[in-house]
């Protein structure tokens, strides 16, 4: 029996190109956390350590705190949260990443990240609606 058959309100299907765009934005977001950590740590060795800690913390929260049946459909996430909580985490992730890029000295990269996130969230509005109903 498939996961889709067990779900009363299954997540909307997402085209592969949108999943790829989302993945690239997640990577760009992690870069934002790294840039922020580097600038907070003052560069050099301490900056590298702080950057690594920021990236690992952000990636851990992003990957561990999930909504049940959120694509790719995995149901055994370590921490299951309601959809609005996950939505808030996503917005905070990208917002802090953009702030990190801005504070790290790249206003253009910050604005580009947020513009792309807004466009992706508008294009995949059905996922956002589904997420907020969970």
N, C-alpha and C. Protein backbone atom coordinates (compact mmCIF):
# COMPACT_ATOMS: atom_id res chain seq x y z
N UNK A 1 0.85 -1.17 0.00
CA UNK A 1 0.00 0.00 0.00
C UNK A 1 0.90 1.24 0.00
N UNK A 2 0.64 2.17 -0.86
CA UNK A 2 1.50 3.34 -0.98
C UNK A 2 1.20 4.34 0.12
N UNK A 3 2.16 5.24 0.34
CA UNK A 3 2.01 6.28 1.34
C UNK A 3 0.87 7.20 0.93
N UNK A 4 0.75 7.49 -0.36
CA UNK A 4 -0.29 8.38 -0.84
C UNK A 4 -1.68 7.85 -0.48
N UNK A 5 -1.88 6.53 -0.55
CA UNK A 5 -3.18 5.95 -0.27
C UNK A 5 -3.55 6.08 1.21
N UNK A 6 -2.56 6.16 2.08
CA UNK A 6 -2.82 6.23 3.51
C UNK A 6 -3.07 7.66 3.99
N UNK A 7 -2.74 8.64 3.20
CA UNK A 7 -2.82 10.03 3.61
C UNK A 7 -4.18 10.59 3.23
N UNK A 8 -4.89 11.16 4.22
CA UNK A 8 -6.20 11.75 3.94
C UNK A 8 -6.06 12.99 3.06
N UNK A 9 -5.05 13.78 3.30
CA UNK A 9 -4.80 14.99 2.53
C UNK A 9 -3.36 14.93 2.01
N UNK A 10 -3.15 14.22 0.89
CA UNK A 10 -1.78 14.05 0.40
C UNK A 10 -1.19 15.36 -0.09
N UNK A 11 0.12 15.49 -0.01
CA UNK A 11 0.76 16.71 -0.51
C UNK A 11 0.61 16.79 -2.02
N UNK A 12 0.57 18.00 -2.55
CA UNK A 12 0.47 18.14 -4.01
C UNK A 12 1.75 17.65 -4.67
N UNK A 13 1.63 17.17 -5.87
CA UNK A 13 2.82 16.74 -6.58
C UNK A 13 3.61 17.99 -6.99
N UNK A 14 4.92 17.87 -6.93
CA UNK A 14 5.81 18.98 -7.27
C UNK A 14 6.67 18.56 -8.44
N UNK A 15 6.68 19.36 -9.51
CA UNK A 15 7.52 19.02 -10.66
C UNK A 15 8.99 18.94 -10.27
N UNK A 16 9.71 18.09 -10.95
CA UNK A 16 11.13 17.88 -10.65
C UNK A 16 11.91 19.18 -10.74
N UNK A 17 11.57 20.01 -11.69
CA UNK A 17 12.31 21.27 -11.84
C UNK A 17 12.12 22.16 -10.61
N UNK A 18 10.94 22.12 -10.00
CA UNK A 18 10.71 22.90 -8.78
C UNK A 18 11.46 22.31 -7.58
N UNK A 19 11.53 20.98 -7.54
CA UNK A 19 12.31 20.33 -6.47
C UNK A 19 13.79 20.69 -6.61
N UNK A 20 14.28 20.72 -7.85
CA UNK A 20 15.68 21.09 -8.09
C UNK A 20 15.92 22.55 -7.70
N UNK A 21 15.00 23.42 -8.06
CA UNK A 21 15.13 24.84 -7.70
C UNK A 21 15.12 25.00 -6.18
N UNK A 22 14.25 24.27 -5.52
CA UNK A 22 14.18 24.34 -4.06
C UNK A 22 15.48 23.86 -3.42
N UNK A 23 16.03 22.77 -3.97
CA UNK A 23 17.29 22.23 -3.46
C UNK A 23 18.42 23.27 -3.62
N UNK A 24 18.48 23.92 -4.77
CA UNK A 24 19.51 24.93 -4.99
C UNK A 24 19.34 26.12 -4.04
N UNK A 25 18.09 26.50 -3.78
CA UNK A 25 17.86 27.58 -2.83
C UNK A 25 18.25 27.17 -1.41
N UNK A 26 18.02 25.91 -1.06
CA UNK A 26 18.45 25.42 0.25
C UNK A 26 19.97 25.50 0.38
N UNK A 27 20.67 25.10 -0.68
CA UNK A 27 22.14 25.18 -0.66
C UNK A 27 22.60 26.64 -0.55
N UNK A 28 21.97 27.51 -1.32
CA UNK A 28 22.29 28.93 -1.26
C UNK A 28 22.00 29.47 0.14
N UNK A 29 20.93 28.99 0.76
CA UNK A 29 20.62 29.39 2.13
C UNK A 29 21.71 28.96 3.10
N UNK A 30 22.21 27.76 2.92
CA UNK A 30 23.30 27.29 3.79
C UNK A 30 24.56 28.12 3.58
N UNK A 31 24.79 28.55 2.36
CA UNK A 31 25.90 29.46 2.09
C UNK A 31 25.72 30.74 2.90
N UNK A 32 24.48 31.23 2.95
CA UNK A 32 24.19 32.43 3.74
C UNK A 32 24.54 32.25 5.20
N UNK A 33 24.21 31.09 5.75
CA UNK A 33 24.58 30.82 7.14
C UNK A 33 26.10 30.77 7.30
N UNK A 34 26.79 30.19 6.32
CA UNK A 34 28.25 30.14 6.38
C UNK A 34 28.88 31.51 6.29
N UNK A 35 28.38 32.34 5.40
CA UNK A 35 28.90 33.71 5.27
C UNK A 35 28.68 34.48 6.56
N UNK A 36 27.50 34.30 7.15
CA UNK A 36 27.21 34.98 8.40
C UNK A 36 28.16 34.50 9.50
N UNK A 37 28.35 33.21 9.61
CA UNK A 37 29.26 32.67 10.61
C UNK A 37 30.69 33.15 10.41
N UNK A 38 31.11 33.21 9.15
CA UNK A 38 32.46 33.68 8.83
C UNK A 38 32.64 35.13 9.29
N UNK A 39 31.63 35.97 9.03
CA UNK A 39 31.75 37.37 9.41
C UNK A 39 31.65 37.55 10.92
N UNK A 40 30.78 36.77 11.58
CA UNK A 40 30.68 36.85 13.04
C UNK A 40 31.97 36.40 13.70
N UNK A 41 32.59 35.37 13.15
CA UNK A 41 33.83 34.84 13.71
C UNK A 41 35.06 35.64 13.33
N UNK A 42 34.91 36.62 12.46
CA UNK A 42 36.04 37.47 12.12
C UNK A 42 37.01 36.83 11.12
N UNK A 43 36.56 35.84 10.38
CA UNK A 43 37.45 35.21 9.40
C UNK A 43 38.43 34.27 10.07
N UNK A 44 39.45 33.91 9.32
CA UNK A 44 40.50 33.02 9.81
C UNK A 44 39.92 31.71 10.37
N UNK A 45 40.59 31.13 11.33
CA UNK A 45 40.17 29.84 11.89
C UNK A 45 38.85 29.94 12.66
N UNK A 46 38.73 30.96 13.50
CA UNK A 46 37.51 31.11 14.29
C UNK A 46 36.30 31.33 13.37
N UNK A 47 36.47 32.12 12.34
CA UNK A 47 35.38 32.35 11.39
C UNK A 47 34.96 31.07 10.70
N UNK A 48 35.93 30.23 10.36
CA UNK A 48 35.62 28.94 9.74
C UNK A 48 34.87 28.02 10.67
N UNK A 49 35.26 28.01 11.93
CA UNK A 49 34.59 27.17 12.93
C UNK A 49 33.15 27.65 13.15
N UNK A 50 32.99 28.97 13.32
CA UNK A 50 31.64 29.52 13.54
C UNK A 50 30.77 29.28 12.30
N UNK A 51 31.35 29.47 11.12
CA UNK A 51 30.60 29.23 9.88
C UNK A 51 30.15 27.78 9.81
N UNK A 52 31.04 26.85 10.12
CA UNK A 52 30.68 25.43 10.09
C UNK A 52 29.58 25.12 11.10
N UNK A 53 29.67 25.70 12.29
CA UNK A 53 28.64 25.47 13.31
C UNK A 53 27.28 26.00 12.86
N UNK A 54 27.27 27.19 12.27
CA UNK A 54 26.01 27.77 11.78
C UNK A 54 25.40 26.91 10.69
N UNK A 55 26.24 26.46 9.76
CA UNK A 55 25.74 25.64 8.64
C UNK A 55 25.20 24.31 9.15
N UNK A 56 25.93 23.66 10.04
CA UNK A 56 25.49 22.37 10.57
C UNK A 56 24.20 22.53 11.37
N UNK A 57 24.09 23.57 12.18
CA UNK A 57 22.87 23.79 12.96
C UNK A 57 21.68 24.03 12.04
N UNK A 58 21.85 24.87 11.03
CA UNK A 58 20.75 25.17 10.11
C UNK A 58 20.35 23.94 9.32
N UNK A 59 21.32 23.20 8.81
CA UNK A 59 21.02 22.00 8.03
C UNK A 59 20.34 20.94 8.88
N UNK A 60 20.73 20.84 10.14
CA UNK A 60 20.12 19.86 11.04
C UNK A 60 18.66 20.19 11.28
N UNK A 61 18.37 21.44 11.60
CA UNK A 61 16.97 21.82 11.82
C UNK A 61 16.17 21.62 10.54
N UNK A 62 16.73 22.02 9.40
CA UNK A 62 16.03 21.89 8.12
C UNK A 62 15.70 20.43 7.82
N UNK A 63 16.64 19.54 8.07
CA UNK A 63 16.45 18.15 7.71
C UNK A 63 15.71 17.30 8.72
N UNK A 64 15.74 17.69 9.98
CA UNK A 64 15.17 16.86 11.04
C UNK A 64 13.73 17.24 11.37
N UNK A 65 13.42 18.52 11.38
CA UNK A 65 12.10 19.00 11.76
C UNK A 65 11.24 19.07 10.50
N UNK A 66 10.33 18.11 10.37
CA UNK A 66 9.54 17.97 9.14
C UNK A 66 8.07 17.72 9.45
N UNK A 67 7.29 17.82 8.40
CA UNK A 67 5.86 17.51 8.47
C UNK A 67 5.67 16.11 7.91
N UNK A 68 4.82 15.34 8.53
CA UNK A 68 4.54 13.98 8.05
C UNK A 68 4.03 14.05 6.61
N UNK A 69 4.56 13.18 5.78
CA UNK A 69 4.18 13.04 4.37
C UNK A 69 4.60 14.20 3.48
N UNK A 70 5.44 15.10 4.00
CA UNK A 70 5.95 16.17 3.14
C UNK A 70 6.90 15.54 2.13
N UNK A 71 6.75 15.90 0.88
CA UNK A 71 7.62 15.29 -0.14
C UNK A 71 9.08 15.33 0.28
N UNK A 72 9.81 14.30 0.04
CA UNK A 72 9.50 13.20 -0.87
C UNK A 72 8.63 12.10 -0.30
N UNK A 73 7.85 12.35 0.72
CA UNK A 73 6.89 11.38 1.21
C UNK A 73 7.36 10.52 2.36
N UNK A 74 8.54 10.78 2.85
CA UNK A 74 9.05 10.02 3.98
C UNK A 74 8.19 10.29 5.21
N UNK A 75 7.90 9.27 5.98
CA UNK A 75 7.02 9.45 7.13
C UNK A 75 7.73 9.28 8.47
N UNK A 76 8.96 8.84 8.47
CA UNK A 76 9.64 8.55 9.74
C UNK A 76 10.70 9.60 10.07
N UNK A 77 10.33 10.88 9.98
CA UNK A 77 11.25 11.95 10.34
C UNK A 77 11.46 11.93 11.84
N UNK A 78 12.66 12.31 12.29
CA UNK A 78 12.91 12.31 13.74
C UNK A 78 12.00 13.24 14.53
N UNK A 79 11.69 14.41 13.98
CA UNK A 79 10.83 15.36 14.69
C UNK A 79 9.70 15.77 13.75
N UNK A 80 8.48 15.38 14.09
CA UNK A 80 7.30 15.71 13.29
C UNK A 80 6.63 16.93 13.92
N UNK A 81 6.38 17.95 13.11
CA UNK A 81 5.74 19.16 13.60
C UNK A 81 4.53 19.48 12.72
N UNK A 82 3.63 20.31 13.21
CA UNK A 82 2.50 20.76 12.38
C UNK A 82 3.01 21.60 11.21
N UNK A 83 2.21 21.64 10.16
CA UNK A 83 2.58 22.38 8.97
C UNK A 83 2.92 23.85 9.19
N UNK A 84 2.12 24.59 9.97
CA UNK A 84 2.46 26.00 10.19
C UNK A 84 3.82 26.19 10.87
N UNK A 85 4.20 25.24 11.73
CA UNK A 85 5.52 25.33 12.38
C UNK A 85 6.61 25.12 11.33
N UNK A 86 6.43 24.14 10.46
CA UNK A 86 7.42 23.91 9.40
C UNK A 86 7.49 25.12 8.47
N UNK A 87 6.35 25.69 8.13
CA UNK A 87 6.33 26.87 7.28
C UNK A 87 7.12 28.01 7.93
N UNK A 88 6.93 28.22 9.23
CA UNK A 88 7.66 29.25 9.96
C UNK A 88 9.16 28.96 9.96
N UNK A 89 9.52 27.68 10.10
CA UNK A 89 10.94 27.31 10.07
C UNK A 89 11.54 27.63 8.71
N UNK A 90 10.80 27.32 7.64
CA UNK A 90 11.29 27.59 6.29
C UNK A 90 11.49 29.09 6.07
N UNK A 91 10.51 29.89 6.48
CA UNK A 91 10.61 31.33 6.31
C UNK A 91 11.78 31.87 7.14
N UNK A 92 11.92 31.39 8.38
CA UNK A 92 13.03 31.83 9.22
C UNK A 92 14.37 31.41 8.63
N UNK A 93 14.46 30.20 8.12
CA UNK A 93 15.70 29.70 7.52
C UNK A 93 16.15 30.63 6.41
N UNK A 94 15.25 30.91 5.46
CA UNK A 94 15.62 31.75 4.33
C UNK A 94 15.83 33.20 4.76
N UNK A 95 15.05 33.67 5.72
CA UNK A 95 15.23 35.04 6.21
C UNK A 95 16.57 35.24 6.90
N UNK A 96 16.95 34.30 7.75
CA UNK A 96 18.24 34.40 8.45
C UNK A 96 19.38 34.22 7.46
N UNK A 97 19.21 33.32 6.49
CA UNK A 97 20.25 33.14 5.47
C UNK A 97 20.45 34.42 4.67
N UNK A 98 19.35 35.07 4.29
CA UNK A 98 19.45 36.33 3.56
C UNK A 98 20.10 37.42 4.41
N UNK A 99 19.72 37.47 5.69
CA UNK A 99 20.35 38.44 6.59
C UNK A 99 21.84 38.15 6.74
N UNK A 100 22.19 36.88 6.80
CA UNK A 100 23.60 36.52 6.89
C UNK A 100 24.39 36.97 5.67
N UNK A 101 23.80 36.80 4.50
CA UNK A 101 24.46 37.27 3.28
C UNK A 101 24.61 38.79 3.31
N UNK A 102 23.55 39.47 3.73
CA UNK A 102 23.58 40.94 3.80
C UNK A 102 24.66 41.39 4.79
N UNK A 103 24.64 40.82 6.00
CA UNK A 103 25.62 41.21 7.02
C UNK A 103 27.03 40.80 6.64
N UNK A 104 27.14 39.77 5.81
CA UNK A 104 28.45 39.34 5.33
C UNK A 104 28.98 40.20 4.20
N UNK A 105 28.18 41.18 3.77
CA UNK A 105 28.67 42.13 2.79
C UNK A 105 28.11 42.01 1.39
N UNK A 106 27.09 41.16 1.19
CA UNK A 106 26.55 41.01 -0.16
C UNK A 106 25.05 41.26 -0.18
N UNK A 107 24.71 42.52 -0.32
CA UNK A 107 23.30 42.89 -0.40
C UNK A 107 22.65 42.25 -1.62
N UNK A 108 23.37 42.23 -2.74
CA UNK A 108 22.81 41.67 -3.98
C UNK A 108 22.48 40.18 -3.81
N UNK A 109 23.38 39.42 -3.18
CA UNK A 109 23.13 38.00 -2.96
C UNK A 109 21.94 37.80 -2.03
N UNK A 110 21.83 38.64 -1.02
CA UNK A 110 20.72 38.56 -0.09
C UNK A 110 19.39 38.82 -0.79
N UNK A 111 19.35 39.87 -1.58
CA UNK A 111 18.12 40.19 -2.29
C UNK A 111 17.78 39.15 -3.35
N UNK A 112 18.80 38.59 -3.98
CA UNK A 112 18.58 37.54 -4.97
C UNK A 112 17.98 36.30 -4.31
N UNK A 113 18.53 35.90 -3.18
CA UNK A 113 18.00 34.74 -2.46
C UNK A 113 16.53 34.96 -2.10
N UNK A 114 16.22 36.08 -1.51
CA UNK A 114 14.84 36.31 -1.08
C UNK A 114 13.89 36.42 -2.27
N UNK A 115 14.33 37.04 -3.35
CA UNK A 115 13.49 37.12 -4.55
C UNK A 115 13.20 35.74 -5.09
N UNK A 116 14.22 34.92 -5.19
CA UNK A 116 14.03 33.55 -5.70
C UNK A 116 13.14 32.73 -4.79
N UNK A 117 13.28 32.90 -3.48
CA UNK A 117 12.43 32.17 -2.53
C UNK A 117 10.97 32.60 -2.70
N UNK A 118 10.73 33.89 -2.80
CA UNK A 118 9.36 34.37 -2.97
C UNK A 118 8.77 33.83 -4.27
N UNK A 119 9.54 33.87 -5.35
CA UNK A 119 9.05 33.35 -6.63
C UNK A 119 8.74 31.86 -6.51
N UNK A 120 9.64 31.10 -5.90
CA UNK A 120 9.39 29.66 -5.75
C UNK A 120 8.15 29.40 -4.90
N UNK A 121 7.99 30.13 -3.80
CA UNK A 121 6.84 29.92 -2.94
C UNK A 121 5.54 30.31 -3.62
N UNK A 122 5.58 31.32 -4.49
CA UNK A 122 4.38 31.70 -5.24
C UNK A 122 4.06 30.64 -6.29
N UNK A 123 5.08 30.18 -6.99
CA UNK A 123 4.86 29.16 -8.04
C UNK A 123 4.37 27.85 -7.44
N UNK A 124 4.85 27.51 -6.26
CA UNK A 124 4.43 26.27 -5.59
C UNK A 124 3.43 26.58 -4.47
N UNK A 125 2.52 27.49 -4.74
CA UNK A 125 1.55 27.93 -3.74
C UNK A 125 0.71 26.78 -3.19
N UNK A 126 0.46 25.77 -4.02
CA UNK A 126 -0.36 24.66 -3.55
C UNK A 126 0.33 23.89 -2.43
N UNK A 127 1.67 23.80 -2.48
CA UNK A 127 2.39 23.16 -1.39
C UNK A 127 2.29 24.01 -0.12
N UNK A 128 2.40 25.32 -0.25
CA UNK A 128 2.31 26.19 0.92
C UNK A 128 0.93 26.09 1.56
N UNK A 129 -0.10 26.07 0.72
CA UNK A 129 -1.46 25.92 1.23
C UNK A 129 -1.63 24.58 1.95
N UNK A 130 -1.12 23.51 1.32
CA UNK A 130 -1.19 22.19 1.94
C UNK A 130 -0.46 22.20 3.29
N UNK A 131 0.72 22.79 3.30
CA UNK A 131 1.55 22.83 4.50
C UNK A 131 0.81 23.54 5.64
N UNK A 132 0.17 24.64 5.34
CA UNK A 132 -0.53 25.40 6.38
C UNK A 132 -1.78 24.68 6.89
N UNK A 133 -2.29 23.71 6.13
CA UNK A 133 -3.47 22.93 6.56
C UNK A 133 -3.08 21.71 7.38
N UNK A 134 -1.83 21.38 7.46
CA UNK A 134 -1.41 20.17 8.16
C UNK A 134 -1.38 20.38 9.66
